[in-house]
C-alpha atoms as a PDB file:
ATOM      1  CA  MET A   1     -38.374  17.282 -22.722  1.00  0.00           C
ATOM      2  CA  ALA A   2     -42.058  17.850 -22.346  1.00  0.00           C
ATOM      3  CA  ALA A   3     -43.879  16.900 -19.148  1.00  0.00           C
ATOM      4  CA  VAL A   4     -45.955  13.728 -19.068  1.00  0.00           C
ATOM      5  CA  GLU A   5     -49.603  13.772 -17.948  1.00  0.00           C
ATOM      6  CA  LEU A   6     -50.583  11.054 -15.486  1.00  0.00           C
ATOM      7  CA  ILE A   7     -53.628  10.026 -13.456  1.00  0.00           C
ATOM      8  CA  LEU A   8     -52.646   9.240  -9.860  1.00  0.00           C
ATOM      9  CA  LEU A   9     -53.961   5.909  -8.573  1.00  0.00           C
ATOM     10  CA  GLN A  10     -53.040   6.747  -4.962  1.00  0.00           C
ATOM     11  CA  ARG A  11     -51.887   9.731  -2.943  1.00  0.00           C
ATOM     12  CA  VAL A  12     -48.279  10.648  -3.701  1.00  0.00           C
ATOM     13  CA  GLU A  13     -46.560  12.951  -1.222  1.00  0.00           C
ATOM     14  CA  LYS A  14     -45.788  16.424  -2.599  1.00  0.00           C
ATOM     15  CA  LEU A  15     -47.595  15.584  -5.852  1.00  0.00           C
ATOM     16  CA  GLY A  16     -51.321  15.006  -5.398  1.00  0.00           C
ATOM     17  CA  GLN A  17     -54.294  12.898  -4.323  1.00  0.00           C
ATOM     18  CA  MET A  18     -55.868   9.850  -5.957  1.00  0.00           C
ATOM     19  CA  GLY A  19     -57.574  10.791  -9.216  1.00  0.00           C
ATOM     20  CA  ASP A  20     -55.588  13.987  -9.765  1.00  0.00           C
ATOM     21  CA  ILE A  21     -54.179  14.549 -13.225  1.00  0.00           C
ATOM     22  CA  VAL A  22     -50.619  15.783 -12.816  1.00  0.00           C
ATOM     23  CA  LYS A  23     -47.736  16.724 -15.082  1.00  0.00           C
ATOM     24  CA  VAL A  24     -44.362  15.260 -14.161  1.00  0.00           C
ATOM     25  CA  LYS A  25     -40.990  14.837 -15.795  1.00  0.00           C
ATOM     26  CA  PRO A  26     -40.718  11.789 -18.071  1.00  0.00           C
ATOM     27  CA  GLY A  27     -38.025  10.119 -15.953  1.00  0.00           C
ATOM     28  CA  PHE A  28     -40.086  10.354 -12.758  1.00  0.00           C
ATOM     29  CA  ALA A  29     -43.063   8.814 -14.567  1.00  0.00           C
ATOM     30  CA  ARG A  30     -41.061   6.119 -16.358  1.00  0.00           C
ATOM     31  CA  ASN A  31     -38.807   5.121 -13.445  1.00  0.00           C
ATOM     32  CA  TYR A  32     -41.035   5.504 -10.393  1.00  0.00           C
ATOM     33  CA  LEU A  33     -44.749   6.229 -10.795  1.00  0.00           C
ATOM     34  CA  LEU A  34     -45.609   3.822 -13.626  1.00  0.00           C
ATOM     35  CA  PRO A  35     -43.566   0.756 -12.468  1.00  0.00           C
ATOM     36  CA  GLN A  36     -44.823   1.178  -8.885  1.00  0.00           C
ATOM     37  CA  LYS A  37     -48.431   1.263 -10.205  1.00  0.00           C
ATOM     38  CA  LYS A  38     -48.993   4.637  -8.571  1.00  0.00           C
ATOM     39  CA  ALA A  39     -50.204   6.261 -11.791  1.00  0.00           C
ATOM     40  CA  LEU A  40     -51.525   5.688 -15.308  1.00  0.00           C
ATOM     41  CA  ARG A  41     -50.807   7.690 -18.425  1.00  0.00           C
ATOM     42  CA  ALA A  42     -53.601  10.223 -18.900  1.00  0.00           C
ATOM     43  CA  THR A  43     -54.915   8.956 -22.252  1.00  0.00           C
ATOM     44  CA  LYS A  44     -58.589   9.021 -23.177  1.00  0.00           C
ATOM     45  CA  GLU A  45     -58.878   5.240 -22.695  1.00  0.00           C
ATOM     46  CA  ASN A  46     -57.132   5.276 -19.305  1.00  0.00           C
ATOM     47  CA  ARG A  47     -59.352   8.133 -18.097  1.00  0.00           C
ATOM     48  CA  ALA A  48     -62.431   6.066 -18.969  1.00  0.00           C
ATOM     49  CA  ILE A  49     -60.972   2.998 -17.226  1.00  0.00           C
ATOM     50  CA  PHE A  50     -60.139   5.077 -14.142  1.00  0.00           C
ATOM     51  CA  ASP A  51     -63.641   6.585 -14.023  1.00  0.00           C
ATOM     52  CA  ASN A  52     -65.160   3.067 -14.160  1.00  0.00           C
ATOM     53  CA  GLN A  53     -62.885   1.719 -11.417  1.00  0.00           C
ATOM     54  CA  LYS A  54     -62.746   4.834  -9.223  1.00  0.00           C
ATOM     55  CA  ALA A  55     -65.163   3.507  -6.588  1.00  0.00           C
ATOM     56  CA  GLN A  56     -63.277   0.190  -6.315  1.00  0.00           C
ATOM     57  CA  LEU A  57     -59.897   1.944  -6.076  1.00  0.00           C
ATOM     58  CA  GLU A  58     -61.177   4.294  -3.363  1.00  0.00           C
ATOM     59  CA  ALA A  59     -62.608   1.355  -1.382  1.00  0.00           C
ATOM     60  CA  GLN A  60     -59.284  -0.554  -1.630  1.00  0.00           C
ATOM     61  CA  ASN A  61     -57.386   2.564  -0.586  1.00  0.00           C
ATOM     62  CA  LEU A  62     -59.708   3.070   2.405  1.00  0.00           C
ATOM     63  CA  ARG A  63     -59.238  -0.568   3.541  1.00  0.00           C
ATOM     64  CA  ARG A  64     -55.455  -0.314   3.274  1.00  0.00           C
ATOM     65  CA  MET A  65     -55.485   3.008   5.152  1.00  0.00           C
ATOM     66  CA  GLU A  66     -57.614   1.577   7.997  1.00  0.00           C
ATOM     67  CA  GLU A  67     -55.285  -1.408   8.281  1.00  0.00           C
ATOM     68  CA  ALA A  68     -52.259   0.912   8.386  1.00  0.00           C
ATOM     69  CA  GLU A  69     -53.936   2.990  11.123  1.00  0.00           C
ATOM     70  CA  ARG A  70     -54.513  -0.146  13.223  1.00  0.00           C
ATOM     71  CA  VAL A  71     -50.852  -1.114  12.831  1.00  0.00           C
ATOM     72  CA  ALA A  72     -49.795   2.456  13.698  1.00  0.00           C
ATOM     73  CA  GLU A  73     -51.824   2.364  16.918  1.00  0.00           C
ATOM     74  CA  ARG A  74     -50.328  -1.010  17.853  1.00  0.00           C
ATOM     75  CA  VAL A  75     -46.687   0.057  17.384  1.00  0.00           C
ATOM     76  CA  MET A  76     -46.963   3.677  18.514  1.00  0.00           C
ATOM     77  CA  GLY A  77     -43.750   4.794  20.218  1.00  0.00           C
ATOM     78  CA  LEU A  78     -41.580   2.050  18.685  1.00  0.00           C
ATOM     79  CA  SER A  79     -37.904   2.349  19.553  1.00  0.00           C
ATOM     80  CA  VAL A  80     -35.134   0.316  17.923  1.00  0.00           C
ATOM     81  CA  ILE A  81     -31.494  -0.112  18.905  1.00  0.00           C
ATOM     82  CA  ILE A  82     -28.764  -0.163  16.268  1.00  0.00           C
ATOM     83  CA  VAL A  83     -25.285  -1.138  17.459  1.00  0.00           C
ATOM     84  CA  ARG A  84     -22.424   0.423  15.476  1.00  0.00           C
ATOM     85  CA  GLN A  85     -18.732   1.128  15.942  1.00  0.00           C
ATOM     86  CA  ALA A  86     -17.875   4.747  16.610  1.00  0.00           C
ATOM     87  CA  GLY A  87     -14.936   6.939  17.448  1.00  0.00           C
ATOM     88  CA  GLU A  88     -14.306   8.565  20.817  1.00  0.00           C
ATOM     89  CA  SER A  89     -16.103  11.724  19.732  1.00  0.00           C
ATOM     90  CA  GLY A  90     -19.274   9.739  18.989  1.00  0.00           C
ATOM     91  CA  SER A  91     -19.124   9.898  15.194  1.00  0.00           C
ATOM     92  CA  LEU A  92     -19.902   6.612  13.471  1.00  0.00           C
ATOM     93  CA  TYR A  93     -17.589   4.753  11.123  1.00  0.00           C
ATOM     94  CA  GLY A  94     -20.082   4.992   8.261  1.00  0.00           C
ATOM     95  CA  SER A  95     -23.738   5.864   8.771  1.00  0.00           C
ATOM     96  CA  VAL A  96     -27.058   4.240   9.595  1.00  0.00           C
ATOM     97  CA  SER A  97     -29.094   3.698   6.423  1.00  0.00           C
ATOM     98  CA  ASN A  98     -32.808   3.250   5.889  1.00  0.00           C
ATOM     99  CA  ARG A  99     -32.111  -0.447   5.203  1.00  0.00           C
ATOM    100  CA  ASP A 100     -30.572  -0.811   8.698  1.00  0.00           C
ATOM    101  CA  ILE A 101     -33.593   0.865  10.261  1.00  0.00           C
ATOM    102  CA  ALA A 102     -36.035  -1.311   8.269  1.00  0.00           C
ATOM    103  CA  GLU A 103     -34.224  -4.472   9.424  1.00  0.00           C
ATOM    104  CA  ALA A 104     -34.282  -3.293  13.061  1.00  0.00           C
ATOM    105  CA  CYS A 105     -38.009  -2.486  12.815  1.00  0.00           C
ATOM    106  CA  THR A 106     -38.702  -5.929  11.319  1.00  0.00           C
ATOM    107  CA  ALA A 107     -36.762  -7.548  14.178  1.00  0.00           C
ATOM    108  CA  SER A 108     -38.931  -5.546  16.619  1.00  0.00           C
ATOM    109  CA  GLY A 109     -42.160  -6.829  15.064  1.00  0.00           C
ATOM    110  CA  LEU A 110     -43.036  -4.146  12.493  1.00  0.00           C
ATOM    111  CA  THR A 111     -42.468  -5.449   8.976  1.00  0.00           C
ATOM    112  CA  VAL A 112     -41.441  -2.557   6.729  1.00  0.00           C
ATOM    113  CA  SER A 113     -39.306  -2.204   3.631  1.00  0.00           C
ATOM    114  CA  ARG A 114     -36.449   0.243   3.275  1.00  0.00           C
ATOM    115  CA  ASP A 115     -38.572   2.342   0.886  1.00  0.00           C
ATOM    116  CA  GLN A 116     -40.989   3.052   3.731  1.00  0.00           C
ATOM    117  CA  VAL A 117     -38.283   4.535   5.985  1.00  0.00           C
ATOM    118  CA  ILE A 118     -37.849   8.282   5.409  1.00  0.00           C
ATOM    119  CA  LEU A 119     -34.530   9.697   6.627  1.00  0.00           C
ATOM    120  CA  GLU A 120     -34.437  13.487   6.627  1.00  0.00           C
ATOM    121  CA  HIS A 121     -30.701  13.502   7.405  1.00  0.00           C
ATOM    122  CA  PRO A 122     -28.243  10.600   7.520  1.00  0.00           C
ATOM    123  CA  ILE A 123     -27.521   9.305  11.020  1.00  0.00           C
ATOM    124  CA  LYS A 124     -23.763   9.692  11.498  1.00  0.00           C
ATOM    125  CA  THR A 125     -23.436  10.074  15.263  1.00  0.00           C
ATOM    126  CA  LEU A 126     -24.312   8.115  18.378  1.00  0.00           C
ATOM    127  CA  GLY A 127     -27.540   9.060  20.109  1.00  0.00           C
ATOM    128  CA  LEU A 128     -31.288   9.123  19.632  1.00  0.00           C
ATOM    129  CA  ALA A 129     -32.919  10.141  16.343  1.00  0.00           C
ATOM    130  CA  ARG A 130     -36.545  10.274  15.187  1.00  0.00           C
ATOM    131  CA  VAL A 131     -37.306   8.709  11.822  1.00  0.00           C
ATOM    132  CA  ARG A 132     -40.581   8.642   9.898  1.00  0.00           C
ATOM    133  CA  VAL A 133     -41.932   5.304   8.650  1.00  0.00           C
ATOM    134  CA  VAL A 134     -44.685   5.506   6.024  1.00  0.00           C
ATOM    135  CA  LEU A 135     -47.164   2.648   6.446  1.00  0.00           C
ATOM    136  CA  HIS A 136     -49.586   4.058   3.848  1.00  0.00           C
ATOM    137  CA  PRO A 137     -49.415   7.232   1.765  1.00  0.00           C
ATOM    138  CA  GLU A 138     -51.700   8.877   4.337  1.00  0.00           C
ATOM    139  CA  VAL A 139     -50.453   7.144   7.527  1.00  0.00           C
ATOM    140  CA  SER A 140     -46.960   7.427   8.989  1.00  0.00           C
ATOM    141  CA  ILE A 141     -45.427   6.851  12.417  1.00  0.00           C
ATOM    142  CA  ALA A 142     -42.357   8.132  14.213  1.00  0.00           C
ATOM    143  CA  VAL A 143     -39.749   5.554  15.232  1.00  0.00           C
ATOM    144  CA  THR A 144     -36.953   6.372  17.671  1.00  0.00           C
ATOM    145  CA  VAL A 145     -33.593   5.050  16.481  1.00  0.00           C
ATOM    146  CA  ASN A 146     -31.094   4.569  19.297  1.00  0.00           C
ATOM    147  CA  THR A 147     -27.596   4.315  17.813  1.00  0.00           C
ATOM    148  CA  ALA A 148     -24.990   3.110  20.292  1.00  0.00           C
ATOM    149  CA  ARG A 149     -21.760   1.100  20.587  1.00  0.00           C
ATOM    150  CA  SER A 150     -23.469  -1.566  22.746  1.00  0.00           C
ATOM    151  CA  VAL A 151     -26.877  -2.468  24.146  1.00  0.00           C
ATOM    152  CA  GLU A 152     -25.780  -1.263  27.598  1.00  0.00           C
ATOM    153  CA  GLU A 153     -24.796   2.121  26.153  1.00  0.00           C
ATOM    154  CA  ALA A 154     -28.167   2.333  24.373  1.00  0.00           C
ATOM    155  CA  GLU A 155     -29.956   1.735  27.677  1.00  0.00           C
ATOM    156  CA  ARG A 156     -27.928   4.541  29.276  1.00  0.00           C
ATOM    157  CA  GLN A 157     -28.859   6.870  26.403  1.00  0.00           C
ATOM    158  CA  VAL A 158     -32.561   6.121  26.916  1.00  0.00           C
ATOM    159  CA  ARG A 159     -32.214   7.013  30.607  1.00  0.00           C
ATOM    160  CA  GLY A 160     -30.689  10.335  29.559  1.00  0.00           C
ATOM    161  CA  GLU A 161     -27.170   9.616  30.762  1.00  0.00           C
ATOM    162  CA  ALA A 162     -24.237  11.011  28.822  1.00  0.00           C
ATOM    163  CA  VAL A 163     -22.120   8.465  26.975  1.00  0.00           C
ATOM    164  CA  GLY A 164     -18.678   8.532  25.395  1.00  0.00           C
ATOM    165  CA  ARG A 165     -16.409  11.495  25.932  1.00  0.00           C
ATOM    166  CA  ALA A 166     -19.200  13.557  27.555  1.00  0.00           C
ATOM    167  CA  ALA A 167     -19.583  10.924  30.286  1.00  0.00           C
ATOM    168  CA  GLU A 168     -15.940  11.084  31.298  1.00  0.00           C
ATOM    169  CA  GLU A 169     -15.545  13.805  33.849  1.00  0.00           C
ATOM    170  CA  VAL A 170     -12.336  15.683  33.405  1.00  0.00           C
ATOM    171  CA  VAL A 171     -10.943  16.078  36.911  1.00  0.00           C
ATOM    172  CA  PRO A 172      -7.533  17.761  37.146  1.00  0.00           C
ATOM    173  CA  PRO A 173      -5.107  15.460  38.972  1.00  0.00           C
ATOM    174  CA  GLU A 174      -3.457  16.639  42.124  1.00  0.00           C
ATOM    175  CA  ALA A 175       0.163  17.824  41.845  1.00  0.00           C
ATOM    176  CA  ASP A 176       1.270  15.098  44.281  1.00  0.00           C
ATOM    177  CA  THR A 177       0.153  12.350  41.919  1.00  0.00           C
ATOM    178  CA  ILE A 178       1.848  13.864  38.876  1.00  0.00           C
ATOM    179  CA  PHE A 179       5.265  14.487  40.403  1.00  0.00           C
ATOM    180  CA  ASP A 180       6.987  11.878  42.478  1.00  0.00           C
ATOM    181  CA  PRO A 181       9.428  13.652  44.806  1.00  0.00           C
ATOM    182  CA  GLY A 182      12.942  12.335  44.506  1.00  0.00           C
ATOM    183  CA  ALA A 183      12.401  10.583  41.178  1.00  0.00           C
ATOM    184  CA  GLY A 184      14.749  11.357  38.285  1.00  0.00           C
ATOM    185  CA  ASP A 185      17.387  14.051  37.961  1.00  0.00           C
ATOM    186  CA  GLN A 186      16.002  17.075  39.713  1.00  0.00           C
ATOM    187  CA  PRO A 187      17.984  20.064  40.850  1.00  0.00           C
ATOM    188  CA  ASP A 188      18.132  20.646  44.561  1.00  0.00           C
ATOM    189  CA  ILE A 189      16.118  23.629  45.529  1.00  0.00           C
ATOM    190  CA  PRO A 190      17.377  25.431  48.698  1.00  0.00           C
END
């Protein structure tokens, strides 16, 4: 299918800035950009409408960006704790999704939707992970996600202590404690 020409109404990551005319696949336009009101079809009428409203759109975008920057300054260094069940090796039974992170951020005072949480890789093990939260197309913050079996374990992870199997020191037992002299059928040794 042929590419569709669109006028971007806001900055879209890896695509372009506000006002750019871009060519995208029809499905991306139909399913994401147009319903989310991030773009308009690049017809002659829509170009004229965009040119008339460009100053207003840029002013709205600037206000939203300034508000997002204020929020970013207020919640800089946000850390959330997510309690999950995990095996002895530290691998989770399942994984932590962007929805889980969004709910934890909202509980911590930063209201975000799951679409704003960008996971580079799924979180499938216990420990600390850095996740990007997009507050505005031009403003994002880093949130530390602390995945642990309990709140106490999460606090130990923050302090840098090893948890799980790594925390258990393997100390070889003494031979006296393993073998009880005189117990069981043992041959007499001269």
